[in-house]
Amino acid sequence: MDTKIWEIRTEQLKDRTTEEKMKEIRTALEYGEVIGIPTETVYGLAGDARNPEAIHKIFAAKNRPGDNPLIVHIYSMDQLEDFTEPLDMKVRTLMRHFWPGPISFILPLKGSMLASNTVAELDSVAVRMPSHPVGHAILEKVGFPLAAPSANLSGKPSPTDYSHVIDDLNGKVYGVVASDPATYGLESTVLDCTQFPYRIARPGSITKGALENVLKETVSKHEGSAEKPIAPGMKYKHYAPRQPMAVIEGGLRSNTHLRVEEGQKVGVIAPEAVRNHVPEHAYFISLCSGEDDYREAGRNLYAALRKMDKSDVDLIYIHGFPKSEETEAVMNRIYKATGNEIIREDPK
């Protein structure tokens, strides 16, 4: 059976028909169904975080490894009292500054309200409050916490539009909300607040510098083993199209020699500004306008990977951005998508 689709755009939130759609969505979630919902980062596959059967459906639909914990989504900080230990004042400060928004906080778990498979048997839980108007409204209407990993097949490029969810999961999930596409396009920053100093477990749009500017203290980066991941994106290869792909470290240049065997079709993902360096025979997808348009690159990355995945190219090359705090999130996803396959020019 095809997946049900509810159209709820931001400008439709006050429409009479939207209220009925929201009731349908809440009822479906209460009965343990799973639904694709919009957030400002990527589309999430949402299910009742308290219901182990709903969480099982999420893992099954995505073909996701069971040791990969899910992020729990809420609409109000008051909800945290039900399943996390009392918050440190520093955590509260960060939440008040960045929520709603693209950051998840790993917090000490309290009690047994959440299903054990939601947190992958850990004693901590990652929580976030999305800022997407429709996603936030759904959470408020539902009233209980929703576990919501990205609404894609595990390992494939994350969905930034509802059509991507349909491409991957049509017939595998109960419904999808057709809404405004993601504005950030990369998954949330994940900050581990179970140890001090706090540690970034996954980079995202909210950077280390931004966190430190609010916290007035140092934030570190997670260097621990990913054998027992405490956050999504720490252990497994992610975001990859079906074709082999390599990143051109330092970016595409006039002297970049792409490794292409005779008869192979090659695809190139790069900024429009370097298009003149792309071989004539290559299938080109523009990632952003200029080489320093990192926010645009992040927003467009997954759509570009999905478009390449559907093409007839045999291998893909993607432009690498210089290492900086601004590029860390998009390069993290690019490296994971390529499996750290890197092209470096020989210095001559």
C-alpha atoms as a PDB file:
ATOM      1  CA  MET A   1       0.000   0.000   0.000  1.00  0.00           C
ATOM      2  CA  ASP A   2       1.300   3.453  -0.904  1.00  0.00           C
ATOM      3  CA  THR A   3       2.326   5.819   1.854  1.00  0.00           C
ATOM      4  CA  LYS A   4      -0.289   8.432   2.815  1.00  0.00           C
ATOM      5  CA  ILE A   5       0.636  12.061   2.122  1.00  0.00           C
ATOM      6  CA  TRP A   6      -0.616  15.088   4.077  1.00  0.00           C
ATOM      7  CA  GLU A   7       0.184  18.491   2.561  1.00  0.00           C
ATOM      8  CA  ILE A   8       0.875  21.030   5.306  1.00  0.00           C
ATOM      9  CA  ARG A   9       2.957  24.039   4.278  1.00  0.00           C
ATOM     10  CA  THR A  10       3.892  26.769   6.752  1.00  0.00           C
ATOM     11  CA  GLU A  11       1.319  29.145   5.272  1.00  0.00           C
ATOM     12  CA  GLN A  12      -1.356  26.451   5.722  1.00  0.00           C
ATOM     13  CA  LEU A  13      -0.892  25.980   9.474  1.00  0.00           C
ATOM     14  CA  LYS A  14      -4.004  28.045  10.278  1.00  0.00           C
ATOM     15  CA  ASP A  15      -6.209  26.457   7.617  1.00  0.00           C
ATOM     16  CA  ARG A  16      -9.269  24.527   8.807  1.00  0.00           C
ATOM     17  CA  THR A  17      -8.230  21.404   6.945  1.00  0.00           C
ATOM     18  CA  THR A  18      -4.826  21.436   8.658  1.00  0.00           C
ATOM     19  CA  GLU A  19      -6.429  20.809  12.051  1.00  0.00           C
ATOM     20  CA  GLU A  20      -8.017  17.632  10.710  1.00  0.00           C
ATOM     21  CA  LYS A  21      -4.728  16.516   9.197  1.00  0.00           C
ATOM     22  CA  MET A  22      -2.970  17.117  12.519  1.00  0.00           C
ATOM     23  CA  LYS A  23      -5.547  14.953  14.304  1.00  0.00           C
ATOM     24  CA  GLU A  24      -4.961  12.152  11.799  1.00  0.00           C
ATOM     25  CA  ILE A  25      -1.211  12.411  12.304  1.00  0.00           C
ATOM     26  CA  ARG A  26      -1.527  12.317  16.085  1.00  0.00           C
ATOM     27  CA  THR A  27      -3.849   9.302  15.971  1.00  0.00           C
ATOM     28  CA  ALA A  28      -1.477   7.423  13.670  1.00  0.00           C
ATOM     29  CA  LEU A  29       1.476   8.114  15.961  1.00  0.00           C
ATOM     30  CA  GLU A  30      -0.528   7.146  19.056  1.00  0.00           C
ATOM     31  CA  TYR A  31      -1.236   3.781  17.397  1.00  0.00           C
ATOM     32  CA  GLY A  32       2.459   3.169  16.786  1.00  0.00           C
ATOM     33  CA  GLU A  33       2.738   4.188  13.141  1.00  0.00           C
ATOM     34  CA  VAL A  34       5.770   6.053  11.775  1.00  0.00           C
ATOM     35  CA  ILE A  35       5.575   9.218   9.693  1.00  0.00           C
ATOM     36  CA  GLY A  36       7.981  11.424   7.744  1.00  0.00           C
ATOM     37  CA  ILE A  37       7.960  14.947   9.196  1.00  0.00           C
ATOM     38  CA  PRO A  38       9.812  18.116   8.185  1.00  0.00           C
ATOM     39  CA  THR A  39      12.553  19.742  10.225  1.00  0.00           C
ATOM     40  CA  GLU A  40      14.923  22.575   9.384  1.00  0.00           C
ATOM     41  CA  THR A  41      17.865  20.135   9.097  1.00  0.00           C
ATOM     42  CA  VAL A  42      16.538  17.115   7.173  1.00  0.00           C
ATOM     43  CA  TYR A  43      13.238  15.228   7.032  1.00  0.00           C
ATOM     44  CA  GLY A  44      12.783  12.927  10.041  1.00  0.00           C
ATOM     45  CA  LEU A  45      11.067   9.544  10.312  1.00  0.00           C
ATOM     46  CA  ALA A  46       9.027  10.025  13.469  1.00  0.00           C
ATOM     47  CA  GLY A  47       7.561   7.498  15.869  1.00  0.00           C
ATOM     48  CA  ASP A  48       6.468   7.493  19.509  1.00  0.00           C
ATOM     49  CA  ALA A  49       9.736   7.459  21.475  1.00  0.00           C
ATOM     50  CA  ARG A  50       7.962   5.591  24.291  1.00  0.00           C
ATOM     51  CA  ASN A  51       6.695   2.753  22.115  1.00  0.00           C
ATOM     52  CA  PRO A  52       9.205  -0.035  21.342  1.00  0.00           C
ATOM     53  CA  GLU A  53       7.054  -1.339  18.466  1.00  0.00           C
ATOM     54  CA  ALA A  54       7.029   2.080  16.791  1.00  0.00           C
ATOM     55  CA  ILE A  55      10.802   2.329  17.203  1.00  0.00           C
ATOM     56  CA  HIS A  56      11.194  -1.147  15.719  1.00  0.00           C
ATOM     57  CA  LYS A  57       9.229   0.056  12.671  1.00  0.00           C
ATOM     58  CA  ILE A  58      11.653   2.993  12.264  1.00  0.00           C
ATOM     59  CA  PHE A  59      14.698   0.701  12.326  1.00  0.00           C
ATOM     60  CA  ALA A  60      13.031  -1.782   9.968  1.00  0.00           C
ATOM     61  CA  ALA A  61      11.899   0.843   7.428  1.00  0.00           C
ATOM     62  CA  LYS A  62      15.361   2.401   7.309  1.00  0.00           C
ATOM     63  CA  ASN A  63      17.265  -0.894   7.608  1.00  0.00           C
ATOM     64  CA  ARG A  64      19.175   0.888  10.362  1.00  0.00           C
ATOM     65  CA  PRO A  65      21.615  -0.889  12.714  1.00  0.00           C
ATOM     66  CA  GLY A  66      20.074  -1.347  16.159  1.00  0.00           C
ATOM     67  CA  ASP A  67      23.088   0.069  18.012  1.00  0.00           C
ATOM     68  CA  ASN A  68      22.666   3.455  16.326  1.00  0.00           C
ATOM     69  CA  PRO A  69      20.685   5.597  18.827  1.00  0.00           C
ATOM     70  CA  LEU A  70      17.832   7.871  17.770  1.00  0.00           C
ATOM     71  CA  ILE A  71      17.388  11.568  18.517  1.00  0.00           C
ATOM     72  CA  VAL A  72      14.251  12.394  20.494  1.00  0.00           C
ATOM     73  CA  HIS A  73      12.327  15.488  19.358  1.00  0.00           C
ATOM     74  CA  ILE A  74      10.317  17.742  21.677  1.00  0.00           C
ATOM     75  CA  TYR A  75       8.477  21.066  21.448  1.00  0.00           C
ATOM     76  CA  SER A  76       9.026  22.335  25.020  1.00  0.00           C
ATOM     77  CA  MET A  77      11.876  22.144  27.535  1.00  0.00           C
ATOM     78  CA  ASP A  78       9.297  21.123  30.154  1.00  0.00           C
ATOM     79  CA  GLN A  79       9.080  17.707  28.465  1.00  0.00           C
ATOM     80  CA  LEU A  80      12.669  16.953  29.480  1.00  0.00           C
ATOM     81  CA  GLU A  81      11.597  16.546  33.110  1.00  0.00           C
ATOM     82  CA  ASP A  82       9.886  13.267  32.161  1.00  0.00           C
ATOM     83  CA  PHE A  83      12.955  11.418  30.926  1.00  0.00           C
ATOM     84  CA  THR A  84      16.229  13.269  31.688  1.00  0.00           C
ATOM     85  CA  GLU A  85      18.076  14.051  34.880  1.00  0.00           C
ATOM     86  CA  PRO A  86      17.879  17.681  36.110  1.00  0.00           C
ATOM     87  CA  LEU A  87      19.678  19.997  33.708  1.00  0.00           C
ATOM     88  CA  ASP A  88      22.912  21.788  34.494  1.00  0.00           C
ATOM     89  CA  MET A  89      22.499  25.571  34.274  1.00  0.00           C
ATOM     90  CA  LYS A  90      25.080  25.688  31.500  1.00  0.00           C
ATOM     91  CA  VAL A  91      23.003  23.287  29.432  1.00  0.00           C
ATOM     92  CA  ARG A  92      19.914  25.392  30.068  1.00  0.00           C
ATOM     93  CA  THR A  93      21.786  28.475  28.871  1.00  0.00           C
ATOM     94  CA  LEU A  94      22.727  26.758  25.605  1.00  0.00           C
ATOM     95  CA  MET A  95      19.208  25.470  25.086  1.00  0.00           C
ATOM     96  CA  ARG A  96      17.646  28.869  25.635  1.00  0.00           C
ATOM     97  CA  HIS A  97      20.072  30.408  23.151  1.00  0.00           C
ATOM     98  CA  PHE A  98      19.945  27.791  20.363  1.00  0.00           C
ATOM     99  CA  TRP A  99      16.501  26.170  20.713  1.00  0.00           C
ATOM    100  CA  PRO A 100      14.405  25.810  18.678  1.00  0.00           C
ATOM    101  CA  GLY A 101      17.179  25.094  16.205  1.00  0.00           C
ATOM    102  CA  PRO A 102      19.627  22.651  14.640  1.00  0.00           C
ATOM    103  CA  ILE A 103      21.352  21.291  17.750  1.00  0.00           C
ATOM    104  CA  SER A 104      20.842  18.111  19.798  1.00  0.00           C
ATOM    105  CA  PHE A 105      22.013  17.693  23.379  1.00  0.00           C
ATOM    106  CA  ILE A 106      23.069  14.318  24.792  1.00  0.00           C
ATOM    107  CA  LEU A 107      21.767  14.210  28.360  1.00  0.00           C
ATOM    108  CA  PRO A 108      21.713  11.664  31.213  1.00  0.00           C
ATOM    109  CA  LEU A 109      18.645   9.453  30.902  1.00  0.00           C
ATOM    110  CA  LYS A 110      16.132   9.204  33.740  1.00  0.00           C
ATOM    111  CA  GLY A 111      13.563   6.491  34.360  1.00  0.00           C
ATOM    112  CA  SER A 112      11.987   4.161  31.817  1.00  0.00           C
ATOM    113  CA  MET A 113       9.589   6.434  29.945  1.00  0.00           C
ATOM    114  CA  LEU A 114      11.512   6.092  26.676  1.00  0.00           C
ATOM    115  CA  ALA A 115      11.703   2.732  24.923  1.00  0.00           C
ATOM    116  CA  SER A 116      15.096   1.093  25.421  1.00  0.00           C
ATOM    117  CA  ASN A 117      15.557   0.676  21.650  1.00  0.00           C
ATOM    118  CA  THR A 118      15.106   4.443  21.222  1.00  0.00           C
ATOM    119  CA  VAL A 119      18.373   5.025  23.097  1.00  0.00           C
ATOM    120  CA  ALA A 120      20.082   1.799  21.941  1.00  0.00           C
ATOM    121  CA  GLU A 121      20.312   0.563  25.550  1.00  0.00           C
ATOM    122  CA  LEU A 122      22.424   3.586  26.559  1.00  0.00           C
ATOM    123  CA  ASP A 123      22.076   5.534  29.812  1.00  0.00           C
ATOM    124  CA  SER A 124      21.903   8.794  27.853  1.00  0.00           C
ATOM    125  CA  VAL A 125      19.569  10.306  25.260  1.00  0.00           C
ATOM    126  CA  ALA A 126      20.029  12.875  22.484  1.00  0.00           C
ATOM    127  CA  VAL A 127      17.255  15.480  22.392  1.00  0.00           C
ATOM    128  CA  ARG A 128      16.441  18.385  20.141  1.00  0.00           C
ATOM    129  CA  MET A 129      13.728  20.952  19.496  1.00  0.00           C
ATOM    130  CA  PRO A 130      13.294  21.674  15.774  1.00  0.00           C
ATOM    131  CA  SER A 131      12.537  25.159  14.500  1.00  0.00           C
ATOM    132  CA  HIS A 132      10.695  24.152  11.307  1.00  0.00           C
ATOM    133  CA  PRO A 133       7.234  25.707  11.832  1.00  0.00           C
ATOM    134  CA  VAL A 134       5.318  22.639  10.638  1.00  0.00           C
ATOM    135  CA  GLY A 135       7.562  20.122  12.377  1.00  0.00           C
ATOM    136  CA  HIS A 136       7.335  22.076  15.627  1.00  0.00           C
ATOM    137  CA  ALA A 137       3.547  22.355  15.310  1.00  0.00           C
ATOM    138  CA  ILE A 138       3.251  18.585  14.833  1.00  0.00           C
ATOM    139  CA  LEU A 139       5.291  17.944  17.984  1.00  0.00           C
ATOM    140  CA  GLU A 140       3.113  20.337  19.950  1.00  0.00           C
ATOM    141  CA  LYS A 141      -0.107  18.804  18.622  1.00  0.00           C
ATOM    142  CA  VAL A 142       1.064  15.268  19.373  1.00  0.00           C
ATOM    143  CA  GLY A 143       2.214  16.181  22.869  1.00  0.00           C
ATOM    144  CA  PHE A 144       4.609  13.288  23.456  1.00  0.00           C
ATOM    145  CA  PRO A 145       8.287  12.940  22.445  1.00  0.00           C
ATOM    146  CA  LEU A 146       9.013  11.580  18.978  1.00  0.00           C
ATOM    147  CA  ALA A 147      12.125   9.685  17.967  1.00  0.00           C
ATOM    148  CA  ALA A 148      13.023  10.870  14.484  1.00  0.00           C
ATOM    149  CA  PRO A 149      16.176   9.860  12.607  1.00  0.00           C
ATOM    150  CA  SER A 150      16.552  10.977   8.997  1.00  0.00           C
ATOM    151  CA  ALA A 151      13.742   9.591   6.816  1.00  0.00           C
ATOM    152  CA  ASN A 152      15.901   7.710   4.326  1.00  0.00           C
ATOM    153  CA  LEU A 153      17.260   4.230   3.797  1.00  0.00           C
ATOM    154  CA  SER A 154      20.214   3.831   6.137  1.00  0.00           C
ATOM    155  CA  GLY A 155      23.498   4.854   4.536  1.00  0.00           C
ATOM    156  CA  LYS A 156      21.878   6.766   1.670  1.00  0.00           C
ATOM    157  CA  PRO A 157      21.785  10.578   1.292  1.00  0.00           C
ATOM    158  CA  SER A 158      19.501  12.190   3.858  1.00  0.00           C
ATOM    159  CA  PRO A 159      16.180  13.667   2.630  1.00  0.00           C
ATOM    160  CA  THR A 160      15.750  17.422   2.514  1.00  0.00           C
ATOM    161  CA  ASP A 161      12.378  17.340   0.736  1.00  0.00           C
ATOM    162  CA  TYR A 162       9.333  15.111   1.188  1.00  0.00           C
ATOM    163  CA  SER A 163       9.808  13.713  -2.326  1.00  0.00           C
ATOM    164  CA  HIS A 164      13.107  12.191  -1.174  1.00  0.00           C
ATOM    165  CA  VAL A 165      11.241  10.359   1.596  1.00  0.00           C
ATOM    166  CA  ILE A 166       8.780   8.961  -0.931  1.00  0.00           C
ATOM    167  CA  ASP A 167      11.672   7.846  -3.159  1.00  0.00           C
ATOM    168  CA  ASP A 168      13.192   5.795  -0.330  1.00  0.00           C
ATOM    169  CA  LEU A 169      10.299   4.731   1.860  1.00  0.00           C
ATOM    170  CA  ASN A 170       7.071   4.678  -0.151  1.00  0.00           C
ATOM    171  CA  GLY A 171       5.039   1.710   1.078  1.00  0.00           C
ATOM    172  CA  LYS A 172       7.375   1.166   4.040  1.00  0.00           C
ATOM    173  CA  VAL A 173       5.950   3.868   6.321  1.00  0.00           C
ATOM    174  CA  TYR A 174       2.417   4.966   7.147  1.00  0.00           C
ATOM    175  CA  GLY A 175       2.615   8.571   5.981  1.00  0.00           C
ATOM    176  CA  VAL A 176       4.671  11.614   5.030  1.00  0.00           C
ATOM    177  CA  VAL A 177       3.955  15.310   5.589  1.00  0.00           C
ATOM    178  CA  ALA A 178       4.525  17.254   2.358  1.00  0.00           C
ATOM    179  CA  SER A 179       5.888  20.562   3.603  1.00  0.00           C
ATOM    180  CA  ASP A 180       8.530  23.237   3.109  1.00  0.00           C
ATOM    181  CA  PRO A 181      11.988  21.753   2.407  1.00  0.00           C
ATOM    182  CA  ALA A 182      14.804  21.900   4.949  1.00  0.00           C
ATOM    183  CA  THR A 183      16.563  25.246   5.198  1.00  0.00           C
ATOM    184  CA  TYR A 184      19.865  23.949   6.635  1.00  0.00           C
ATOM    185  CA  GLY A 185      20.113  20.646   4.777  1.00  0.00           C
ATOM    186  CA  LEU A 186      22.607  19.026   7.177  1.00  0.00           C
ATOM    187  CA  GLU A 187      21.801  17.090  10.337  1.00  0.00           C
ATOM    188  CA  SER A 188      21.964  18.863  13.675  1.00  0.00           C
ATOM    189  CA  THR A 189      25.076  19.502  15.700  1.00  0.00           C
ATOM    190  CA  VAL A 190      25.191  16.927  18.520  1.00  0.00           C
ATOM    191  CA  LEU A 191      26.688  18.115  21.814  1.00  0.00           C
ATOM    192  CA  ASP A 192      27.513  15.529  24.489  1.00  0.00           C
ATOM    193  CA  CYS A 193      26.670  17.109  27.836  1.00  0.00           C
ATOM    194  CA  THR A 194      27.212  13.962  29.914  1.00  0.00           C
ATOM    195  CA  GLN A 195      30.884  14.822  30.479  1.00  0.00           C
ATOM    196  CA  PHE A 196      32.772  18.026  31.037  1.00  0.00           C
ATOM    197  CA  PRO A 197      34.035  19.817  29.076  1.00  0.00           C
ATOM    198  CA  TYR A 198      31.090  19.288  26.746  1.00  0.00           C
ATOM    199  CA  ARG A 199      32.034  17.489  23.531  1.00  0.00           C
ATOM    200  CA  ILE A 200      30.796  17.783  19.956  1.00  0.00           C
ATOM    201  CA  ALA A 201      29.816  14.256  18.916  1.00  0.00           C
ATOM    202  CA  ARG A 202      28.682  15.330  15.438  1.00  0.00           C
ATOM    203  CA  PRO A 203      29.413  18.653  13.717  1.00  0.00           C
ATOM    204  CA  GLY A 204      26.545  20.683  12.302  1.00  0.00           C
ATOM    205  CA  SER A 205      25.432  24.212  11.506  1.00  0.00           C
ATOM    206  CA  ILE A 206      26.032  25.388  15.080  1.00  0.00           C
ATOM    207  CA  THR A 207      29.799  25.472  15.369  1.00  0.00           C
ATOM    208  CA  LYS A 208      32.279  24.991  18.201  1.00  0.00           C
ATOM    209  CA  GLY A 209      32.958  28.727  18.203  1.00  0.00           C
ATOM    210  CA  ALA A 210      29.271  29.595  18.456  1.00  0.00           C
ATOM    211  CA  LEU A 211      28.859  27.253  21.428  1.00  0.00           C
ATOM    212  CA  GLU A 212      31.936  28.609  23.197  1.00  0.00           C
ATOM    213  CA  ASN A 213      30.807  32.176  22.593  1.00  0.00           C
ATOM    214  CA  VAL A 214      27.612  31.487  24.566  1.00  0.00           C
ATOM    215  CA  LEU A 215      29.093  29.112  27.129  1.00  0.00           C
ATOM    216  CA  LYS A 216      32.224  31.217  27.773  1.00  0.00           C
ATOM    217  CA  GLU A 217      34.089  27.940  28.207  1.00  0.00           C
ATOM    218  CA  THR A 218      35.936  25.462  26.001  1.00  0.00           C
ATOM    219  CA  VAL A 219      34.014  22.841  24.052  1.00  0.00           C
ATOM    220  CA  SER A 220      35.978  19.799  22.881  1.00  0.00           C
ATOM    221  CA  LYS A 221      35.449  17.334  20.051  1.00  0.00           C
ATOM    222  CA  HIS A 222      34.553  13.695  20.630  1.00  0.00           C
ATOM    223  CA  GLU A 223      37.596  11.504  20.101  1.00  0.00           C
ATOM    224  CA  GLY A 224      36.285   8.287  21.647  1.00  0.00           C
ATOM    225  CA  SER A 225      35.631   4.915  20.035  1.00  0.00           C
ATOM    226  CA  ALA A 226      32.552   4.668  17.862  1.00  0.00           C
ATOM    227  CA  GLU A 227      32.113   0.935  18.556  1.00  0.00           C
ATOM    228  CA  LYS A 228      29.299   1.920  20.910  1.00  0.00           C
ATOM    229  CA  PRO A 229      28.107   5.167  19.318  1.00  0.00           C
ATOM    230  CA  ILE A 230      26.445   7.710  21.611  1.00  0.00           C
ATOM    231  CA  ALA A 231      25.037   9.700  18.692  1.00  0.00           C
ATOM    232  CA  PRO A 232      24.020   9.101  15.071  1.00  0.00           C
ATOM    233  CA  GLY A 233      26.731   9.477  12.450  1.00  0.00           C
ATOM    234  CA  MET A 234      29.625   8.248  14.599  1.00  0.00           C
ATOM    235  CA  LYS A 235      30.097   4.671  13.406  1.00  0.00           C
ATOM    236  CA  TYR A 236      28.630   3.844  10.012  1.00  0.00           C
ATOM    237  CA  LYS A 237      29.206   5.083   6.474  1.00  0.00           C
ATOM    238  CA  HIS A 238      26.463   7.563   5.634  1.00  0.00           C
ATOM    239  CA  TYR A 239      24.978   9.732   2.929  1.00  0.00           C
ATOM    240  CA  ALA A 240      26.413   7.717   0.026  1.00  0.00           C
ATOM    241  CA  PRO A 241      25.030   7.333  -3.502  1.00  0.00           C
ATOM    242  CA  ARG A 242      25.351   3.878  -5.074  1.00  0.00           C
ATOM    243  CA  GLN A 243      28.359   4.809  -7.251  1.00  0.00           C
ATOM    244  CA  PRO A 244      31.927   5.028  -5.918  1.00  0.00           C
ATOM    245  CA  MET A 245      32.819   8.607  -5.048  1.00  0.00           C
ATOM    246  CA  ALA A 246      35.969  10.512  -4.134  1.00  0.00           C
ATOM    247  CA  VAL A 247      36.550  14.004  -2.776  1.00  0.00           C
ATOM    248  CA  ILE A 248      39.010  16.305  -4.518  1.00  0.00           C
ATOM    249  CA  GLU A 249      40.935  17.684  -1.568  1.00  0.00           C
ATOM    250  CA  GLY A 250      41.573  21.392  -2.003  1.00  0.00           C
ATOM    251  CA  GLY A 251      38.856  21.640  -4.632  1.00  0.00           C
ATOM    252  CA  LEU A 252      38.641  21.277  -8.390  1.00  0.00           C
ATOM    253  CA  ARG A 253      41.387  23.181 -10.196  1.00  0.00           C
ATOM    254  CA  SER A 254      42.630  23.528 -13.762  1.00  0.00           C
ATOM    255  CA  ASN A 255      45.413  21.040 -13.024  1.00  0.00           C
ATOM    256  CA  THR A 256      43.166  18.471 -11.341  1.00  0.00           C
ATOM    257  CA  HIS A 257      43.496  15.166 -13.153  1.00  0.00           C
ATOM    258  CA  LEU A 258      40.463  12.999 -12.557  1.00  0.00           C
ATOM    259  CA  ARG A 259      41.112   9.258 -12.570  1.00  0.00           C
ATOM    260  CA  VAL A 260      38.752   7.984 -15.253  1.00  0.00           C
ATOM    261  CA  GLU A 261      39.142   4.686 -17.081  1.00  0.00           C
ATOM    262  CA  GLU A 262      38.273   4.434 -20.759  1.00  0.00           C
ATOM    263  CA  GLY A 263      34.541   4.181 -21.334  1.00  0.00           C
ATOM    264  CA  GLN A 264      33.585   5.347 -17.848  1.00  0.00           C
ATOM    265  CA  LYS A 265      30.996   8.077 -17.337  1.00  0.00           C
ATOM    266  CA  VAL A 266      32.002  10.536 -14.649  1.00  0.00           C
ATOM    267  CA  GLY A 267      29.922  12.901 -12.538  1.00  0.00           C
ATOM    268  CA  VAL A 268      31.262  16.025 -10.834  1.00  0.00           C
ATOM    269  CA  ILE A 269      29.650  17.939  -7.953  1.00  0.00           C
ATOM    270  CA  ALA A 270      31.257  21.340  -7.435  1.00  0.00           C
ATOM    271  CA  PRO A 271      30.581  25.073  -7.082  1.00  0.00           C
ATOM    272  CA  GLU A 272      29.386  26.871 -10.199  1.00  0.00           C
ATOM    273  CA  ALA A 273      32.474  29.078  -9.947  1.00  0.00           C
ATOM    274  CA  VAL A 274      34.792  26.183 -10.926  1.00  0.00           C
ATOM    275  CA  ARG A 275      32.596  24.764 -13.682  1.00  0.00           C
ATOM    276  CA  ASN A 276      35.146  25.763 -16.314  1.00  0.00           C
ATOM    277  CA  HIS A 277      37.553  23.210 -14.769  1.00  0.00           C
ATOM    278  CA  VAL A 278      35.105  20.319 -15.263  1.00  0.00           C
ATOM    279  CA  PRO A 279      35.906  17.988 -18.181  1.00  0.00           C
ATOM    280  CA  GLU A 280      33.539  18.428 -21.128  1.00  0.00           C
ATOM    281  CA  HIS A 281      32.326  14.840 -21.030  1.00  0.00           C
ATOM    282  CA  ALA A 282      31.422  14.944 -17.313  1.00  0.00           C
ATOM    283  CA  TYR A 283      27.904  15.202 -15.900  1.00  0.00           C
ATOM    284  CA  PHE A 284      28.046  18.335 -13.731  1.00  0.00           C
ATOM    285  CA  ILE A 285      25.829  19.264 -10.774  1.00  0.00           C
ATOM    286  CA  SER A 286      26.237  22.688  -9.212  1.00  0.00           C
ATOM    287  CA  LEU A 287      26.590  22.476  -5.433  1.00  0.00           C
ATOM    288  CA  CYS A 288      26.624  26.232  -4.768  1.00  0.00           C
ATOM    289  CA  SER A 289      27.503  29.498  -6.463  1.00  0.00           C
ATOM    290  CA  GLY A 290      30.950  30.441  -5.162  1.00  0.00           C
ATOM    291  CA  GLU A 291      33.708  28.419  -3.503  1.00  0.00           C
ATOM    292  CA  ASP A 292      32.966  30.120  -0.184  1.00  0.00           C
ATOM    293  CA  ASP A 293      29.189  29.591  -0.226  1.00  0.00           C
ATOM    294  CA  TYR A 294      29.406  26.898   2.455  1.00  0.00           C
ATOM    295  CA  ARG A 295      25.872  27.311   3.780  1.00  0.00           C
ATOM    296  CA  GLU A 296      24.449  26.888   0.276  1.00  0.00           C
ATOM    297  CA  ALA A 297      26.692  23.855  -0.263  1.00  0.00           C
ATOM    298  CA  GLY A 298      25.362  22.233   2.903  1.00  0.00           C
ATOM    299  CA  ARG A 299      21.762  22.936   1.956  1.00  0.00           C
ATOM    300  CA  ASN A 300      22.210  21.416  -1.528  1.00  0.00           C
ATOM    301  CA  LEU A 301      24.572  18.519  -0.785  1.00  0.00           C
ATOM    302  CA  TYR A 302      22.091  15.688  -0.240  1.00  0.00           C
ATOM    303  CA  ALA A 303      19.887  16.686  -3.181  1.00  0.00           C
ATOM    304  CA  ALA A 304      22.999  16.666  -5.391  1.00  0.00           C
ATOM    305  CA  LEU A 305      24.024  13.222  -4.133  1.00  0.00           C
ATOM    306  CA  ARG A 306      20.524  11.898  -4.762  1.00  0.00           C
ATOM    307  CA  LYS A 307      20.512  13.307  -8.290  1.00  0.00           C
ATOM    308  CA  MET A 308      23.848  11.629  -9.010  1.00  0.00           C
ATOM    309  CA  ASP A 309      22.552   8.379  -7.535  1.00  0.00           C
ATOM    310  CA  LYS A 310      19.762   8.375 -10.144  1.00  0.00           C
ATOM    311  CA  SER A 311      22.107   9.195 -13.043  1.00  0.00           C
ATOM    312  CA  ASP A 312      23.984   6.751 -15.297  1.00  0.00           C
ATOM    313  CA  VAL A 313      27.464   7.883 -14.221  1.00  0.00           C
ATOM    314  CA  ASP A 314      29.957   5.205 -13.153  1.00  0.00           C
ATOM    315  CA  LEU A 315      31.847   7.259 -10.587  1.00  0.00           C
ATOM    316  CA  ILE A 316      31.545  10.627  -8.877  1.00  0.00           C
ATOM    317  CA  TYR A 317      34.011  13.330  -7.883  1.00  0.00           C
ATOM    318  CA  ILE A 318      33.063  16.049  -5.423  1.00  0.00           C
ATOM    319  CA  HIS A 319      34.769  19.359  -4.735  1.00  0.00           C
ATOM    320  CA  GLY A 320      36.469  19.544  -1.330  1.00  0.00           C
ATOM    321  CA  PHE A 321      36.359  22.785   0.676  1.00  0.00           C
ATOM    322  CA  PRO A 322      39.290  24.127   2.716  1.00  0.00           C
ATOM    323  CA  LYS A 323      39.418  23.041   6.354  1.00  0.00           C
ATOM    324  CA  SER A 324      37.754  25.558   8.680  1.00  0.00           C
ATOM    325  CA  GLU A 325      35.097  25.759  11.335  1.00  0.00           C
ATOM    326  CA  GLU A 326      32.623  26.962   8.704  1.00  0.00           C
ATOM    327  CA  THR A 327      33.230  23.963   6.433  1.00  0.00           C
ATOM    328  CA  GLU A 328      33.532  21.257   9.105  1.00  0.00           C
ATOM    329  CA  ALA A 329      29.913  20.066   8.925  1.00  0.00           C
ATOM    330  CA  VAL A 330      29.646  19.848   5.128  1.00  0.00           C
ATOM    331  CA  MET A 331      33.092  18.221   4.821  1.00  0.00           C
ATOM    332  CA  ASN A 332      32.210  15.722   7.560  1.00  0.00           C
ATOM    333  CA  ARG A 333      29.260  14.563   5.413  1.00  0.00           C
ATOM    334  CA  ILE A 334      31.322  14.565   2.220  1.00  0.00           C
ATOM    335  CA  TYR A 335      34.064  12.430   3.782  1.00  0.00           C
ATOM    336  CA  LYS A 336      31.486   9.968   5.121  1.00  0.00           C
ATOM    337  CA  ALA A 337      29.744   9.785   1.735  1.00  0.00           C
ATOM    338  CA  THR A 338      33.030   9.017  -0.015  1.00  0.00           C
ATOM    339  CA  GLY A 339      34.243   6.576   2.632  1.00  0.00           C
ATOM    340  CA  ASN A 340      37.273   8.896   2.932  1.00  0.00           C
ATOM    341  CA  GLU A 341      38.301   8.287  -0.678  1.00  0.00           C
ATOM    342  CA  ILE A 342      40.486  11.322  -1.387  1.00  0.00           C
ATOM    343  CA  ILE A 343      42.266  12.692  -4.456  1.00  0.00           C
ATOM    344  CA  ARG A 344      45.316  14.790  -3.710  1.00  0.00           C
ATOM    345  CA  GLU A 345      47.288  16.458  -6.444  1.00  0.00           C
ATOM    346  CA  ASP A 346      50.931  15.437  -6.694  1.00  0.00           C
ATOM    347  CA  PRO A 347      53.080  18.494  -5.877  1.00  0.00           C
ATOM    348  CA  LYS A 348      55.198  19.299  -8.928  1.00  0.00           C
END
